[in-house]
Amino acid sequence: MGILDRLLSFIFGNNKQKFNEVHLDQEVVDEIIQISKKTAPLEFVALLAGKIRNEVLHIDGLIFLPGETSNEGAVMKIFMLPPMSGAVGSVHSHPGFSAHPSGADLIFFSKNGFFHLIIAQPYTLESMVAYNTFGETTDFKVV
């Protein structure tokens, strides 16, 4: 990272958002799987809560906001999110077997955090795919 990039990151406050790894708590994974199975064939959506420490993003909770779900999509009232909530991204389920993000998903990813999960049928850890802000797949570790 060049001097100008570091300076701009400091000015805009995103210098503290640098991470090289993502650790997802096992309890969060279990909850995502359980909720996905219970709400199917409807989608479910939540925000991911976490913090960056030592360049590792630790996701340790879910944040639920009012919204609407159907078998074609889920909408969350993001404007109701408290400013200091610790939201770092999102998770939602797809009722089919594809965890590929839709156009609406990609727009949401770009505006709401920097780590996102989509879980598809059969709603297991293996059917959960992680994406960054730009909709590119990324890795994570369950701890």
C-alpha atoms as a PDB file:
ATOM      1  CA  MET A   1       0.000   0.000   0.000  1.00  0.00           C
ATOM      2  CA  GLY A   2       1.452   3.361  -1.018  1.00  0.00           C
ATOM      3  CA  ILE A   3       1.768   6.460   1.136  1.00  0.00           C
ATOM      4  CA  LEU A   4      -1.257   8.129  -0.473  1.00  0.00           C
ATOM      5  CA  ASP A   5      -3.384   5.008   0.046  1.00  0.00           C
ATOM      6  CA  ARG A   6      -2.369   4.795   3.714  1.00  0.00           C
ATOM      7  CA  LEU A   7      -3.088   8.493   4.227  1.00  0.00           C
ATOM      8  CA  LEU A   8      -6.534   8.251   2.620  1.00  0.00           C
ATOM      9  CA  SER A   9      -7.318   5.112   4.634  1.00  0.00           C
ATOM     10  CA  PHE A  10      -6.409   6.964   7.828  1.00  0.00           C
ATOM     11  CA  ILE A  11      -8.449  10.058   6.881  1.00  0.00           C
ATOM     12  CA  PHE A  12     -11.548   8.034   5.975  1.00  0.00           C
ATOM     13  CA  GLY A  13     -11.171   5.727   8.971  1.00  0.00           C
ATOM     14  CA  ASN A  14     -11.054   2.482   7.012  1.00  0.00           C
ATOM     15  CA  ASN A  15      -7.465   1.743   8.025  1.00  0.00           C
ATOM     16  CA  LYS A  16      -8.899  -0.283  10.913  1.00  0.00           C
ATOM     17  CA  GLN A  17     -10.903  -2.436   8.475  1.00  0.00           C
ATOM     18  CA  LYS A  18      -7.915  -4.371   7.147  1.00  0.00           C
ATOM     19  CA  PHE A  19      -8.033  -8.127   7.654  1.00  0.00           C
ATOM     20  CA  ASN A  20      -6.350 -11.148   6.116  1.00  0.00           C
ATOM     21  CA  GLU A  21      -8.505 -13.909   7.601  1.00  0.00           C
ATOM     22  CA  VAL A  22     -12.120 -14.436   8.598  1.00  0.00           C
ATOM     23  CA  HIS A  23     -13.028 -16.572  11.603  1.00  0.00           C
ATOM     24  CA  LEU A  24     -16.668 -17.530  11.954  1.00  0.00           C
ATOM     25  CA  ASP A  25     -17.833 -18.878  15.336  1.00  0.00           C
ATOM     26  CA  GLN A  26     -19.223 -22.419  15.183  1.00  0.00           C
ATOM     27  CA  GLU A  27     -22.331 -21.262  17.089  1.00  0.00           C
ATOM     28  CA  VAL A  28     -23.055 -18.676  14.383  1.00  0.00           C
ATOM     29  CA  VAL A  29     -22.689 -21.315  11.654  1.00  0.00           C
ATOM     30  CA  ASP A  30     -25.027 -23.669  13.545  1.00  0.00           C
ATOM     31  CA  GLU A  31     -27.604 -20.891  13.956  1.00  0.00           C
ATOM     32  CA  ILE A  32     -27.447 -19.950  10.249  1.00  0.00           C
ATOM     33  CA  ILE A  33     -27.983 -23.593   9.243  1.00  0.00           C
ATOM     34  CA  GLN A  34     -30.834 -24.087  11.718  1.00  0.00           C
ATOM     35  CA  ILE A  35     -32.668 -20.894  10.716  1.00  0.00           C
ATOM     36  CA  SER A  36     -32.217 -21.624   6.996  1.00  0.00           C
ATOM     37  CA  LYS A  37     -33.763 -25.072   7.384  1.00  0.00           C
ATOM     38  CA  LYS A  38     -36.658 -23.779   9.509  1.00  0.00           C
ATOM     39  CA  THR A  39     -37.562 -20.902   7.182  1.00  0.00           C
ATOM     40  CA  ALA A  40     -37.262 -22.842   3.897  1.00  0.00           C
ATOM     41  CA  PRO A  41     -38.670 -22.389   1.301  1.00  0.00           C
ATOM     42  CA  LEU A  42     -38.639 -18.737   2.368  1.00  0.00           C
ATOM     43  CA  GLU A  43     -35.365 -16.849   2.466  1.00  0.00           C
ATOM     44  CA  PHE A  44     -33.944 -15.557   5.699  1.00  0.00           C
ATOM     45  CA  VAL A  45     -31.638 -12.559   6.080  1.00  0.00           C
ATOM     46  CA  ALA A  46     -29.544 -11.153   8.920  1.00  0.00           C
ATOM     47  CA  LEU A  47     -26.467  -9.030   9.433  1.00  0.00           C
ATOM     48  CA  LEU A  48     -23.191 -10.444  10.698  1.00  0.00           C
ATOM     49  CA  ALA A  49     -21.726  -8.950  13.887  1.00  0.00           C
ATOM     50  CA  GLY A  50     -18.017  -8.950  14.508  1.00  0.00           C
ATOM     51  CA  LYS A  51     -14.759  -7.110  15.026  1.00  0.00           C
ATOM     52  CA  ILE A  52     -11.344  -6.962  13.440  1.00  0.00           C
ATOM     53  CA  ARG A  53      -8.482  -7.822  15.789  1.00  0.00           C
ATOM     54  CA  ASN A  54      -4.896  -8.414  14.703  1.00  0.00           C
ATOM     55  CA  GLU A  55      -5.966  -8.408  11.035  1.00  0.00           C
ATOM     56  CA  VAL A  56      -8.504 -11.202  11.652  1.00  0.00           C
ATOM     57  CA  LEU A  57     -12.220 -10.553  11.217  1.00  0.00           C
ATOM     58  CA  HIS A  58     -13.999 -12.444  14.017  1.00  0.00           C
ATOM     59  CA  ILE A  59     -17.708 -12.968  13.365  1.00  0.00           C
ATOM     60  CA  ASP A  60     -19.467 -13.836  16.577  1.00  0.00           C
ATOM     61  CA  GLY A  61     -23.139 -13.020  16.161  1.00  0.00           C
ATOM     62  CA  LEU A  62     -26.185 -12.264  14.058  1.00  0.00           C
ATOM     63  CA  ILE A  63     -28.187  -9.039  14.008  1.00  0.00           C
ATOM     64  CA  PHE A  64     -31.841  -9.279  13.028  1.00  0.00           C
ATOM     65  CA  LEU A  65     -33.742  -6.301  11.674  1.00  0.00           C
ATOM     66  CA  PRO A  66     -37.390  -5.997  10.639  1.00  0.00           C
ATOM     67  CA  GLY A  67     -38.043  -6.948   7.047  1.00  0.00           C
ATOM     68  CA  GLU A  68     -39.945  -9.191   4.682  1.00  0.00           C
ATOM     69  CA  THR A  69     -39.130 -12.584   3.215  1.00  0.00           C
ATOM     70  CA  SER A  70     -40.491 -14.755   0.447  1.00  0.00           C
ATOM     71  CA  ASN A  71     -39.367 -17.667  -1.692  1.00  0.00           C
ATOM     72  CA  GLU A  72     -38.044 -15.096  -4.189  1.00  0.00           C
ATOM     73  CA  GLY A  73     -36.117 -12.771  -1.885  1.00  0.00           C
ATOM     74  CA  ALA A  74     -35.652 -11.058   1.426  1.00  0.00           C
ATOM     75  CA  VAL A  75     -35.682  -7.376   2.286  1.00  0.00           C
ATOM     76  CA  MET A  76     -34.229  -5.913   5.460  1.00  0.00           C
ATOM     77  CA  LYS A  77     -34.943  -2.429   6.811  1.00  0.00           C
ATOM     78  CA  ILE A  78     -31.270  -1.508   7.001  1.00  0.00           C
ATOM     79  CA  PHE A  79     -32.070   2.088   8.009  1.00  0.00           C
ATOM     80  CA  MET A  80     -33.101   0.716  11.428  1.00  0.00           C
ATOM     81  CA  LEU A  81     -29.555  -0.491  12.170  1.00  0.00           C
ATOM     82  CA  PRO A  82     -28.039   1.314  15.174  1.00  0.00           C
ATOM     83  CA  PRO A  83     -24.768   3.065  14.239  1.00  0.00           C
ATOM     84  CA  MET A  84     -22.594   1.167  16.739  1.00  0.00           C
ATOM     85  CA  SER A  85     -24.062  -2.284  16.059  1.00  0.00           C
ATOM     86  CA  GLY A  86     -20.834  -3.978  14.985  1.00  0.00           C
ATOM     87  CA  ALA A  87     -22.326  -5.101  11.674  1.00  0.00           C
ATOM     88  CA  VAL A  88     -19.605  -6.235   9.259  1.00  0.00           C
ATOM     89  CA  GLY A  89     -21.685  -7.873   6.529  1.00  0.00           C
ATOM     90  CA  SER A  90     -24.690 -10.067   5.901  1.00  0.00           C
ATOM     91  CA  VAL A  91     -25.973 -13.605   5.577  1.00  0.00           C
ATOM     92  CA  HIS A  92     -29.001 -14.880   3.734  1.00  0.00           C
ATOM     93  CA  SER A  93     -30.386 -18.119   2.415  1.00  0.00           C
ATOM     94  CA  HIS A  94     -31.370 -19.107  -1.100  1.00  0.00           C
ATOM     95  CA  PRO A  95     -34.259 -21.552  -1.479  1.00  0.00           C
ATOM     96  CA  GLY A  96     -32.546 -23.395  -4.353  1.00  0.00           C
ATOM     97  CA  PHE A  97     -29.242 -25.181  -4.705  1.00  0.00           C
ATOM     98  CA  SER A  98     -27.256 -22.154  -5.922  1.00  0.00           C
ATOM     99  CA  ALA A  99     -25.404 -19.834  -3.551  1.00  0.00           C
ATOM    100  CA  HIS A 100     -24.473 -17.537  -6.448  1.00  0.00           C
ATOM    101  CA  PRO A 101     -25.316 -13.885  -5.679  1.00  0.00           C
ATOM    102  CA  SER A 102     -28.047 -12.154  -7.670  1.00  0.00           C
ATOM    103  CA  GLY A 103     -27.696  -8.635  -9.035  1.00  0.00           C
ATOM    104  CA  ALA A 104     -29.589  -7.337  -5.996  1.00  0.00           C
ATOM    105  CA  ASP A 105     -27.226  -9.271  -3.714  1.00  0.00           C
ATOM    106  CA  LEU A 106     -24.187  -7.663  -5.364  1.00  0.00           C
ATOM    107  CA  ILE A 107     -25.627  -4.175  -4.907  1.00  0.00           C
ATOM    108  CA  PHE A 108     -26.374  -4.936  -1.248  1.00  0.00           C
ATOM    109  CA  PHE A 109     -22.845  -6.345  -0.718  1.00  0.00           C
ATOM    110  CA  SER A 110     -21.263  -3.184  -2.116  1.00  0.00           C
ATOM    111  CA  LYS A 111     -23.125  -0.943   0.328  1.00  0.00           C
ATOM    112  CA  ASN A 112     -23.363  -2.980   3.524  1.00  0.00           C
ATOM    113  CA  GLY A 113     -20.168  -4.329   5.006  1.00  0.00           C
ATOM    114  CA  PHE A 114     -17.229  -6.286   3.700  1.00  0.00           C
ATOM    115  CA  PHE A 115     -18.026  -9.981   4.319  1.00  0.00           C
ATOM    116  CA  HIS A 116     -21.185 -11.746   3.171  1.00  0.00           C
ATOM    117  CA  LEU A 117     -22.515 -15.289   3.265  1.00  0.00           C
ATOM    118  CA  ILE A 118     -25.092 -17.050   1.136  1.00  0.00           C
ATOM    119  CA  ILE A 119     -26.309 -20.492   2.160  1.00  0.00           C
ATOM    120  CA  ALA A 120     -28.245 -22.677  -0.270  1.00  0.00           C
ATOM    121  CA  GLN A 121     -29.947 -26.060  -0.042  1.00  0.00           C
ATOM    122  CA  PRO A 122     -29.305 -28.480   1.590  1.00  0.00           C
ATOM    123  CA  TYR A 123     -28.334 -25.803   4.155  1.00  0.00           C
ATOM    124  CA  THR A 124     -25.038 -27.205   5.387  1.00  0.00           C
ATOM    125  CA  LEU A 125     -21.593 -25.717   5.944  1.00  0.00           C
ATOM    126  CA  GLU A 126     -20.611 -27.107   2.544  1.00  0.00           C
ATOM    127  CA  SER A 127     -23.438 -25.168   0.845  1.00  0.00           C
ATOM    128  CA  MET A 128     -22.371 -21.868   2.449  1.00  0.00           C
ATOM    129  CA  VAL A 129     -20.333 -19.511   0.241  1.00  0.00           C
ATOM    130  CA  ALA A 130     -18.577 -16.327   1.359  1.00  0.00           C
ATOM    131  CA  TYR A 131     -18.192 -13.153  -0.698  1.00  0.00           C
ATOM    132  CA  ASN A 132     -16.388  -9.863  -0.259  1.00  0.00           C
ATOM    133  CA  THR A 133     -17.792  -6.396  -0.943  1.00  0.00           C
ATOM    134  CA  PHE A 134     -17.202  -6.859  -4.667  1.00  0.00           C
ATOM    135  CA  GLY A 135     -19.034 -10.203  -4.914  1.00  0.00           C
ATOM    136  CA  GLU A 136     -15.832 -12.221  -5.201  1.00  0.00           C
ATOM    137  CA  THR A 137     -15.671 -15.510  -3.337  1.00  0.00           C
ATOM    138  CA  THR A 138     -13.499 -15.492  -0.242  1.00  0.00           C
ATOM    139  CA  ASP A 139     -12.376 -17.999   2.367  1.00  0.00           C
ATOM    140  CA  PHE A 140     -13.310 -18.309   6.014  1.00  0.00           C
ATOM    141  CA  LYS A 141     -12.494 -20.615   8.887  1.00  0.00           C
ATOM    142  CA  VAL A 142     -14.986 -21.978  11.405  1.00  0.00           C
ATOM    143  CA  VAL A 143     -13.631 -21.729  14.958  1.00  0.00           C
END
